[in-house]
Amino acid sequence: MAPSEIEAPTIEAIRSNRARLADLIVTTPIRLIVDDALAAVVDEGTSIWLKEELFQRTGSFKPRGALSVMLDLDAEALKRGVTGVSAGNHAISLGYSARRLGTTAKVVMPKNANPFRVQVCRELGATIELVSNVHEAFARVKEIEATEGRTFVHPFEGPKTALGTASVGLEFIDQTRAEGVTLDAVIVAAGGGGLTGGVACAVKQMSPNTAVYAVEPEGADSLSRSFKAGSPQSIDAVRTIADSLGAPRCEPYSYALNRLFVDEVVLVNDDQIRQAMRLLFRTAKLAVEPAGAAALAGLMYPLRARLAGKTVGVVVCGANIDPETYAKQITAGGGTE
């Protein structure tokens, strides 16, 4: 699917869908962070606004997309329930969304998924199946669709999912404009590209001169590979602490949407993500999962010089992490260049 062939969500459609989501989700806050430690690793003249999506219901942006799909299911489809693949955040959002809409969710997760996330999914009423890896998970979901008639809610692919994730960008531009601020750039973490494509779609239509950068871990670089190849690409395995960003492949619609609206994809390594986790805790008092720190890592490292002195929006996409794992990550590794 070429970028020119897709029908991207319009701002009117994004606003209408956000109104439909109503209080099933919350409008997450924004915050200007002024701190000497932050200035030391970016630039004293760089103004950083956080979009604190970690305070979304379920602890990540994921319900925006899942609910945008599930609200269109008819009564019979809702009765049969939904299924999905996830390392955690999408699974949690499906459990939450199913409960709010009066249906059930069966989610397939890799066996190395964080036990805390698995527990949260089960507490929300989701049925969990554990398999060896994400590739097996997608195969198992197809079986569930065929045998149980459940609707597959993709973790990041499709126009309806993008319509939901785009509301993050819509809110961010609305909120910063209300503060009298024009963002020079928005930085957002990329897994499969559902969040980055949606955010970029809204930001670029509302503020065409605002650059949008997607940030991927080096060990899960399917979107970066796709940009370089000019078509959706896969990776053989996920090799990063930011498991929430571990999509095994880039899908056609998400790829096309990202190509249409994202200016560039940059890569960060795990030590850089850890540094960003530490900095978010120190400067913003936010304890986030690795994926939630990836966008800031992008600003601190590959984008630092380019965005020096600019007004930059950083999406903090999630914080579903247990205390033990969080402590392990922020105390691991050392400095990085």
Foldseek 3Di string as FASTA:
>chain_A
DALVPDDADDPVLLVVLVVVCPVVKDQFDKDWFDDPVLCVLFNNLEIEIEREQCPIVQRFLQLLLQLLVVVPDDPVQQALAAEEEALASNLLSSLSNNVVVVHAYEYEYEPPRDPLRVVSSVVSPYHYHYDHARVVRVVVRVVCCVPRVHHYRYRADDNSSLSRLLVSLVSVCVVQVVVVDDAQEEEAEAQLQRNQLSNQSNNCNVPVNYAYEYEYEPQACQLQVCVVVVHKDADPHRDEQQVRSRDRIHDHVSSSSCVVGHPYYYYDYRQLLLVQQVVCCVGVVDRARSNLRRRVSCCSPPCRVVQHSGHYYYYRGGHSDDPVVSVVSNPDDDDDD
